[in-house]
C-alpha atoms as a PDB file:
ATOM      1  CA  MET A   1     107.798 164.713 225.967  1.00  0.00           C
ATOM      2  CA  TYR A   2     110.385 167.620 226.156  1.00  0.00           C
ATOM      3  CA  ARG A   3     113.804 168.439 224.670  1.00  0.00           C
ATOM      4  CA  SER A   4     116.414 168.126 227.244  1.00  0.00           C
ATOM      5  CA  PHE A   5     117.891 171.186 228.501  1.00  0.00           C
ATOM      6  CA  THR A   6     120.798 169.499 230.463  1.00  0.00           C
ATOM      7  CA  ASP A   7     121.802 166.714 228.134  1.00  0.00           C
ATOM      8  CA  ARG A   8     121.982 168.174 224.755  1.00  0.00           C
ATOM      9  CA  MET A   9     124.439 168.441 221.934  1.00  0.00           C
ATOM     10  CA  LEU A  10     122.439 170.400 219.379  1.00  0.00           C
ATOM     11  CA  GLY A  11     118.932 170.805 220.128  1.00  0.00           C
ATOM     12  CA  GLY A  12     118.280 168.415 223.028  1.00  0.00           C
ATOM     13  CA  VAL A  13     116.174 166.171 220.984  1.00  0.00           C
ATOM     14  CA  CYS A  14     118.161 162.877 221.609  1.00  0.00           C
ATOM     15  CA  GLY A  15     118.502 163.855 225.251  1.00  0.00           C
ATOM     16  CA  GLY A  16     114.748 164.200 225.607  1.00  0.00           C
ATOM     17  CA  LEU A  17     114.023 160.971 223.740  1.00  0.00           C
ATOM     18  CA  GLY A  18     116.597 159.103 225.639  1.00  0.00           C
ATOM     19  CA  ALA A  19     115.173 160.295 228.913  1.00  0.00           C
ATOM     20  CA  GLN A  20     111.594 159.233 227.829  1.00  0.00           C
ATOM     21  CA  LEU A  21     112.493 156.012 226.299  1.00  0.00           C
ATOM     22  CA  ARG A  22     115.214 155.249 229.039  1.00  0.00           C
ATOM     23  CA  ILE A  23     117.823 154.814 226.459  1.00  0.00           C
ATOM     24  CA  ASN A  24     121.329 156.269 226.482  1.00  0.00           C
ATOM     25  CA  PRO A  25     121.191 159.460 224.333  1.00  0.00           C
ATOM     26  CA  TRP A  26     124.482 158.717 222.687  1.00  0.00           C
ATOM     27  CA  TRP A  27     122.982 155.541 221.137  1.00  0.00           C
ATOM     28  CA  LEU A  28     120.165 157.795 219.681  1.00  0.00           C
ATOM     29  CA  ARG A  29     122.618 160.395 218.340  1.00  0.00           C
ATOM     30  CA  ALA A  30     124.810 157.751 216.789  1.00  0.00           C
ATOM     31  CA  ALA A  31     121.649 156.235 215.224  1.00  0.00           C
ATOM     32  CA  PHE A  32     120.446 159.804 214.060  1.00  0.00           C
ATOM     33  CA  VAL A  33     123.738 160.362 212.436  1.00  0.00           C
ATOM     34  CA  VAL A  34     124.140 156.939 210.702  1.00  0.00           C
ATOM     35  CA  LEU A  35     120.541 156.962 209.517  1.00  0.00           C
ATOM     36  CA  ALA A  36     120.816 160.551 208.354  1.00  0.00           C
ATOM     37  CA  LEU A  37     123.779 159.634 206.115  1.00  0.00           C
ATOM     38  CA  LEU A  38     122.120 156.337 204.818  1.00  0.00           C
ATOM     39  CA  SER A  39     118.744 158.364 204.077  1.00  0.00           C
ATOM     40  CA  SER A  40     120.443 161.213 202.067  1.00  0.00           C
ATOM     41  CA  GLY A  41     119.514 163.608 204.953  1.00  0.00           C
ATOM     42  CA  ALA A  42     115.825 162.588 205.510  1.00  0.00           C
ATOM     43  CA  LEU A  43     116.496 161.747 209.151  1.00  0.00           C
ATOM     44  CA  ALA A  44     118.369 164.999 209.596  1.00  0.00           C
ATOM     45  CA  LEU A  45     115.152 166.771 208.526  1.00  0.00           C
ATOM     46  CA  LEU A  46     113.282 164.589 211.100  1.00  0.00           C
ATOM     47  CA  TYR A  47     115.481 165.919 213.722  1.00  0.00           C
ATOM     48  CA  VAL A  48     114.728 169.500 212.690  1.00  0.00           C
ATOM     49  CA  ILE A  49     110.986 168.579 212.794  1.00  0.00           C
ATOM     50  CA  LEU A  50     111.271 167.275 216.177  1.00  0.00           C
ATOM     51  CA  TRP A  51     113.336 170.190 217.326  1.00  0.00           C
ATOM     52  CA  TRP A  52     110.383 172.351 216.366  1.00  0.00           C
ATOM     53  CA  VAL A  53     107.661 170.063 217.614  1.00  0.00           C
ATOM     54  CA  MET A  54     109.088 169.219 221.103  1.00  0.00           C
ATOM     55  CA  PRO A  55     108.953 171.839 223.720  1.00  0.00           C
ATOM     56  CA  GLN A  56     111.975 172.734 225.735  1.00  0.00           C
ATOM     57  CA  GLU A  57     112.299 171.190 229.140  1.00  0.00           C
ATOM     58  CA  SER A  58     111.682 173.488 232.036  1.00  0.00           C
ATOM     59  CA  LEU A  59     114.131 173.391 234.926  1.00  0.00           C
ATOM     60  CA  ALA A  60     111.629 175.065 237.336  1.00  0.00           C
ATOM     61  CA  ALA A  61     108.986 172.297 236.901  1.00  0.00           C
ATOM     62  CA  LYS A  62     109.756 168.674 236.319  1.00  0.00           C
ATOM     63  CA  ARG A  63     107.124 167.336 234.007  1.00  0.00           C
ATOM     64  CA  ARG A  64     106.510 163.894 232.736  1.00  0.00           C
ATOM     65  CA  GLY A  65     106.076 163.465 228.941  1.00  0.00           C
ATOM     66  CA  SER A  66     102.698 162.446 227.723  1.00  0.00           C
ATOM     67  CA  ALA A  67     101.887 159.382 225.971  1.00  0.00           C
ATOM     68  CA  LEU A  68     100.475 161.561 223.073  1.00  0.00           C
ATOM     69  CA  GLY A  69     103.776 163.353 222.544  1.00  0.00           C
ATOM     70  CA  LEU A  70     105.558 159.893 222.437  1.00  0.00           C
ATOM     71  CA  LEU A  71     102.951 158.776 219.871  1.00  0.00           C
ATOM     72  CA  VAL A  72     103.484 161.859 217.627  1.00  0.00           C
ATOM     73  CA  VAL A  73     107.214 161.361 217.626  1.00  0.00           C
ATOM     74  CA  LEU A  74     106.910 157.721 216.704  1.00  0.00           C
ATOM     75  CA  ALA A  75     104.310 158.588 213.951  1.00  0.00           C
ATOM     76  CA  LEU A  76     106.732 161.228 212.649  1.00  0.00           C
ATOM     77  CA  ILE A  77     109.621 158.707 212.664  1.00  0.00           C
ATOM     78  CA  GLY A  78     107.332 156.197 210.878  1.00  0.00           C
ATOM     79  CA  ILE A  79     106.171 158.671 208.182  1.00  0.00           C
ATOM     80  CA  VAL A  80     109.836 159.665 207.325  1.00  0.00           C
ATOM     81  CA  VAL A  81     111.030 156.022 207.247  1.00  0.00           C
ATOM     82  CA  ALA A  82     108.029 155.005 204.979  1.00  0.00           C
ATOM     83  CA  ALA A  83     108.853 158.077 202.676  1.00  0.00           C
ATOM     84  CA  TRP A  84     112.464 156.939 202.523  1.00  0.00           C
ATOM     85  CA  VAL A  85     111.414 153.515 201.627  1.00  0.00           C
ATOM     86  CA  GLY A  86     108.875 154.638 199.230  1.00  0.00           C
ATOM     87  CA  ARG A  87     111.468 156.894 197.429  1.00  0.00           C
ATOM     88  CA  ASP A  88     113.880 154.009 197.144  1.00  0.00           C
ATOM     89  CA  ALA A  89     111.148 151.790 195.919  1.00  0.00           C
ATOM     90  CA  GLY A  90     109.997 154.381 193.203  1.00  0.00           C
ATOM     91  CA  TRP A  91     106.492 154.865 194.755  1.00  0.00           C
ATOM     92  CA  LEU A  92     107.070 158.687 195.213  1.00  0.00           C
ATOM     93  CA  ARG A  93     106.927 159.748 191.719  1.00  0.00           C
ATOM     94  CA  GLY A  94     104.618 162.441 190.217  1.00  0.00           C
ATOM     95  CA  PRO A  95     102.681 161.969 186.844  1.00  0.00           C
ATOM     96  CA  SER A  96     105.624 163.222 184.901  1.00  0.00           C
ATOM     97  CA  GLY A  97     108.056 160.727 186.532  1.00  0.00           C
ATOM     98  CA  GLN A  98     109.794 163.385 188.723  1.00  0.00           C
ATOM     99  CA  GLU A  99     110.613 162.445 192.236  1.00  0.00           C
ATOM    100  CA  VAL A 100     108.411 164.089 194.831  1.00  0.00           C
ATOM    101  CA  PHE A 101     110.206 162.948 198.070  1.00  0.00           C
ATOM    102  CA  TRP A 102     111.907 166.328 198.883  1.00  0.00           C
ATOM    103  CA  PRO A 103     108.925 168.460 198.072  1.00  0.00           C
ATOM    104  CA  ALA A 104     106.637 166.187 200.276  1.00  0.00           C
ATOM    105  CA  LEU A 105     109.113 166.422 203.147  1.00  0.00           C
ATOM    106  CA  LEU A 106     109.326 170.256 202.727  1.00  0.00           C
ATOM    107  CA  LEU A 107     105.499 170.283 202.871  1.00  0.00           C
ATOM    108  CA  LEU A 108     105.435 168.220 205.937  1.00  0.00           C
ATOM    109  CA  THR A 109     108.076 170.407 207.706  1.00  0.00           C
ATOM    110  CA  SER A 110     106.032 173.520 206.688  1.00  0.00           C
ATOM    111  CA  ALA A 111     102.867 172.108 208.084  1.00  0.00           C
ATOM    112  CA  VAL A 112     104.656 171.026 211.408  1.00  0.00           C
ATOM    113  CA  PHE A 113     106.087 174.549 211.650  1.00  0.00           C
ATOM    114  CA  LEU A 114     102.688 176.309 210.977  1.00  0.00           C
ATOM    115  CA  LEU A 115     100.938 174.092 213.519  1.00  0.00           C
ATOM    116  CA  ARG A 116     103.672 174.834 216.066  1.00  0.00           C
ATOM    117  CA  GLN A 117     103.142 178.710 215.622  1.00  0.00           C
ATOM    118  CA  VAL A 118      99.366 178.308 215.826  1.00  0.00           C
ATOM    119  CA  ARG A 119      99.733 176.307 218.972  1.00  0.00           C
ATOM    120  CA  GLY A 120     101.925 178.963 220.469  1.00  0.00           C
END
């Protein structure tokens, strides 16, 4: 799975996902915007994570996305949605009662960025 080089508005994430899933990227873009607003920015952070994780499409060599790449993207979406639901249900609270949603997402983003740098 690759970020689109030709069908992009910001980072090419929705263009690449649309090509892989055979969905119009504009539907994905609209869904990302609406869900980012409803989730208080959690889906916007997911977009940034996907931007870091998904490699850029090469115009020189047309490659097909792997099933593993799609599985990783779907797992990231599932983790963010579960964290969002957990935050709203009150499951993501520390021992002192403080919310740990944003620190957990920051830690996840840092781990993805570190793995991306190590992988090259």
